[in-house]
Amino acid sequence: MPINATYRTWIRRICELRPKQRKTQVQNFVWLLVGIFHSHSVSLSKNCRQGHQHRQECEYHQTLKPLSGKLGGGGA
C-alpha cells in the first residue's frame, strides 16, 4: 500500500477513535506511525524470522504488528 493511502486510512480510523483530539496532533501522530510502519515492516519481520537481530527489535515488531492490523495496514 502506498504511503499516502496508508496515511489516509490511518488518519480516518484514528479520528474515529479520538474525535475530540486536535487535528494537528492526530496528523503528526499518524505521520509518525506511517513512517515507522513503512520503514520497518519488512526488515524487522524478516530479521525476526532469521533470528539475527536483538531480542528488543523483535519485541518491537511484535508490538507494532497488532497495531497495524487494527489500523488496516495489512501487517508484514
N, C-alpha and C. Protein backbone atom coordinates (compact mmCIF):
# COMPACT_ATOMS: atom_id res chain seq x y z
N MET A 1 0.85 -1.17 0.00
CA MET A 1 0.00 0.00 0.00
C MET A 1 0.90 1.24 0.00
N PRO A 2 0.66 2.19 -0.89
CA PRO A 2 1.46 3.43 -0.92
C PRO A 2 1.33 4.20 0.40
N ILE A 3 2.33 4.99 0.70
CA ILE A 3 2.38 5.69 1.97
C ILE A 3 1.20 6.66 2.13
N ASN A 4 0.78 7.32 1.05
CA ASN A 4 -0.35 8.25 1.14
C ASN A 4 -1.66 7.52 1.44
N ALA A 5 -1.83 6.35 0.84
CA ALA A 5 -3.04 5.57 1.11
C ALA A 5 -3.05 5.08 2.55
N THR A 6 -1.89 4.66 3.04
CA THR A 6 -1.78 4.25 4.45
C THR A 6 -2.12 5.41 5.37
N TYR A 7 -1.61 6.59 5.05
CA TYR A 7 -1.89 7.78 5.86
C TYR A 7 -3.39 8.08 5.89
N ARG A 8 -4.03 8.07 4.73
CA ARG A 8 -5.47 8.38 4.67
C ARG A 8 -6.29 7.37 5.47
N THR A 9 -5.93 6.08 5.35
CA THR A 9 -6.64 5.04 6.08
C THR A 9 -6.48 5.22 7.58
N TRP A 10 -5.25 5.42 8.03
CA TRP A 10 -4.98 5.51 9.46
C TRP A 10 -5.52 6.81 10.05
N ILE A 11 -5.47 7.91 9.30
CA ILE A 11 -5.99 9.18 9.83
C ILE A 11 -7.50 9.07 10.04
N ARG A 12 -8.17 8.43 9.11
CA ARG A 12 -9.63 8.26 9.24
C ARG A 12 -9.96 7.41 10.47
N ARG A 13 -9.25 6.33 10.66
CA ARG A 13 -9.56 5.44 11.78
C ARG A 13 -9.17 6.05 13.12
N ILE A 14 -8.06 6.74 13.18
CA ILE A 14 -7.67 7.36 14.44
C ILE A 14 -8.60 8.51 14.79
N CYS A 15 -9.07 9.22 13.79
CA CYS A 15 -10.06 10.29 14.05
C CYS A 15 -11.37 9.70 14.59
N GLU A 16 -11.72 8.50 14.16
CA GLU A 16 -12.89 7.83 14.70
C GLU A 16 -12.67 7.45 16.16
N LEU A 17 -11.43 7.04 16.48
CA LEU A 17 -11.13 6.65 17.86
C LEU A 17 -10.98 7.85 18.79
N ARG A 18 -10.46 8.95 18.27
CA ARG A 18 -10.21 10.15 19.08
C ARG A 18 -10.84 11.38 18.43
N PRO A 19 -12.17 11.48 18.39
CA PRO A 19 -12.82 12.57 17.65
C PRO A 19 -12.56 13.96 18.22
N LYS A 20 -12.26 14.08 19.50
CA LYS A 20 -12.06 15.39 20.10
C LYS A 20 -10.59 15.83 20.13
N GLN A 21 -9.72 14.99 19.62
CA GLN A 21 -8.29 15.32 19.60
C GLN A 21 -8.04 16.40 18.55
N ARG A 22 -7.08 17.28 18.83
CA ARG A 22 -6.77 18.34 17.86
C ARG A 22 -6.25 17.74 16.56
N LYS A 23 -6.66 18.36 15.45
CA LYS A 23 -6.34 17.84 14.12
C LYS A 23 -4.83 17.74 13.89
N THR A 24 -4.08 18.76 14.28
CA THR A 24 -2.63 18.74 14.05
C THR A 24 -1.94 17.66 14.87
N GLN A 25 -2.44 17.39 16.07
CA GLN A 25 -1.86 16.32 16.88
C GLN A 25 -2.08 14.96 16.23
N VAL A 26 -3.28 14.76 15.73
CA VAL A 26 -3.59 13.49 15.06
C VAL A 26 -2.76 13.35 13.79
N GLN A 27 -2.66 14.39 13.00
CA GLN A 27 -1.88 14.33 11.76
C GLN A 27 -0.42 14.00 12.03
N ASN A 28 0.18 14.68 13.00
CA ASN A 28 1.58 14.42 13.32
C ASN A 28 1.79 13.00 13.84
N PHE A 29 0.87 12.54 14.69
CA PHE A 29 0.97 11.19 15.22
C PHE A 29 0.85 10.15 14.11
N VAL A 30 -0.10 10.37 13.20
CA VAL A 30 -0.31 9.42 12.10
C VAL A 30 0.91 9.39 11.18
N TRP A 31 1.50 10.55 10.86
CA TRP A 31 2.70 10.55 10.02
C TRP A 31 3.83 9.79 10.70
N LEU A 32 3.95 9.92 12.02
CA LEU A 32 4.96 9.18 12.75
C LEU A 32 4.71 7.67 12.63
N LEU A 33 3.47 7.25 12.87
CA LEU A 33 3.14 5.83 12.77
C LEU A 33 3.36 5.29 11.36
N VAL A 34 2.93 6.04 10.37
CA VAL A 34 3.08 5.59 8.98
C VAL A 34 4.57 5.46 8.62
N GLY A 35 5.36 6.43 9.05
CA GLY A 35 6.80 6.36 8.78
C GLY A 35 7.45 5.16 9.43
N ILE A 36 7.10 4.91 10.68
CA ILE A 36 7.64 3.73 11.38
C ILE A 36 7.18 2.46 10.69
N PHE A 37 5.91 2.39 10.36
CA PHE A 37 5.35 1.20 9.73
C PHE A 37 6.03 0.90 8.40
N HIS A 38 6.17 1.92 7.55
CA HIS A 38 6.74 1.71 6.23
C HIS A 38 8.25 1.46 6.26
N SER A 39 8.93 2.00 7.24
CA SER A 39 10.38 1.81 7.26
C SER A 39 10.80 0.50 7.90
N HIS A 40 9.97 -0.08 8.76
CA HIS A 40 10.38 -1.29 9.48
C HIS A 40 9.55 -2.52 9.21
N SER A 41 8.46 -2.41 8.51
CA SER A 41 7.55 -3.54 8.40
C SER A 41 8.19 -4.77 7.75
N VAL A 42 8.99 -4.58 6.71
CA VAL A 42 9.58 -5.72 6.02
C VAL A 42 10.86 -6.17 6.71
N SER A 43 11.76 -5.25 6.98
CA SER A 43 13.07 -5.65 7.50
C SER A 43 12.97 -6.28 8.89
N LEU A 44 12.16 -5.74 9.78
CA LEU A 44 12.05 -6.32 11.11
C LEU A 44 11.41 -7.70 11.07
N SER A 45 10.41 -7.87 10.24
CA SER A 45 9.76 -9.17 10.13
C SER A 45 10.75 -10.21 9.63
N LYS A 46 11.49 -9.89 8.61
CA LYS A 46 12.46 -10.81 8.03
C LYS A 46 13.56 -11.14 9.04
N ASN A 47 14.07 -10.13 9.72
CA ASN A 47 15.14 -10.35 10.68
C ASN A 47 14.68 -11.14 11.89
N CYS A 48 13.47 -10.95 12.32
CA CYS A 48 12.95 -11.71 13.46
C CYS A 48 12.83 -13.19 13.11
N ARG A 49 12.41 -13.48 11.90
CA ARG A 49 12.30 -14.87 11.49
C ARG A 49 13.67 -15.53 11.41
N GLN A 50 14.68 -14.79 10.96
CA GLN A 50 16.01 -15.35 10.81
C GLN A 50 16.75 -15.42 12.15
N GLY A 51 16.33 -14.62 13.12
CA GLY A 51 16.95 -14.65 14.42
C GLY A 51 18.28 -13.93 14.51
N HIS A 52 18.57 -13.00 13.58
CA HIS A 52 19.84 -12.30 13.57
C HIS A 52 19.80 -10.97 14.30
N GLN A 53 18.63 -10.52 14.69
CA GLN A 53 18.53 -9.23 15.35
C GLN A 53 18.39 -9.41 16.85
N HIS A 54 18.61 -8.33 17.55
CA HIS A 54 18.47 -8.36 19.00
C HIS A 54 17.03 -8.62 19.39
N ARG A 55 16.86 -9.22 20.53
CA ARG A 55 15.53 -9.56 21.03
C ARG A 55 14.63 -8.33 21.13
N GLN A 56 15.19 -7.20 21.51
CA GLN A 56 14.40 -5.99 21.68
C GLN A 56 13.74 -5.57 20.36
N GLU A 57 14.45 -5.68 19.25
CA GLU A 57 13.89 -5.30 17.95
C GLU A 57 12.75 -6.23 17.56
N CYS A 58 12.88 -7.51 17.85
CA CYS A 58 11.81 -8.46 17.54
C CYS A 58 10.59 -8.18 18.39
N GLU A 59 10.81 -7.84 19.66
CA GLU A 59 9.68 -7.49 20.51
C GLU A 59 8.99 -6.24 20.00
N TYR A 60 9.76 -5.28 19.48
CA TYR A 60 9.19 -4.06 18.91
C TYR A 60 8.29 -4.41 17.74
N HIS A 61 8.75 -5.29 16.86
CA HIS A 61 7.94 -5.69 15.70
C HIS A 61 6.67 -6.40 16.15
N GLN A 62 6.77 -7.27 17.14
CA GLN A 62 5.60 -7.99 17.61
C GLN A 62 4.59 -7.04 18.24
N THR A 63 5.07 -5.94 18.81
CA THR A 63 4.17 -4.94 19.38
C THR A 63 3.51 -4.11 18.27
N LEU A 64 4.27 -3.79 17.23
CA LEU A 64 3.77 -2.95 16.15
C LEU A 64 2.80 -3.69 15.24
N LYS A 65 3.00 -4.99 15.03
CA LYS A 65 2.18 -5.75 14.10
C LYS A 65 0.68 -5.76 14.47
N PRO A 66 0.32 -6.03 15.74
CA PRO A 66 -1.12 -5.98 16.06
C PRO A 66 -1.73 -4.60 15.86
N LEU A 67 -0.96 -3.55 16.16
CA LEU A 67 -1.45 -2.19 15.96
C LEU A 67 -1.72 -1.93 14.50
N SER A 68 -0.81 -2.35 13.63
CA SER A 68 -1.00 -2.11 12.20
C SER A 68 -2.18 -2.90 11.67
N GLY A 69 -2.42 -4.09 12.22
CA GLY A 69 -3.58 -4.89 11.80
C GLY A 69 -4.89 -4.20 12.15
N LYS A 70 -4.94 -3.58 13.33
CA LYS A 70 -6.15 -2.89 13.76
C LYS A 70 -6.42 -1.65 12.93
N LEU A 71 -5.34 -1.05 12.42
CA LEU A 71 -5.48 0.19 11.65
C LEU A 71 -5.64 -0.08 10.16
N GLY A 72 -5.56 -1.33 9.74
CA GLY A 72 -5.78 -1.66 8.34
C GLY A 72 -4.53 -1.56 7.50
N GLY A 73 -3.35 -1.61 8.13
CA GLY A 73 -2.10 -1.52 7.39
C GLY A 73 -1.71 -2.82 6.74
N GLY A 74 -2.33 -3.91 7.10
CA GLY A 74 -2.05 -5.18 6.46
C GLY A 74 -0.99 -5.98 7.16
N GLY A 75 -0.06 -5.37 7.85
CA GLY A 75 0.99 -6.10 8.55
C GLY A 75 2.07 -6.54 7.61
N ALA A 76 3.11 -7.14 8.19
CA ALA A 76 4.27 -7.53 7.38
C ALA A 76 4.24 -9.00 7.11
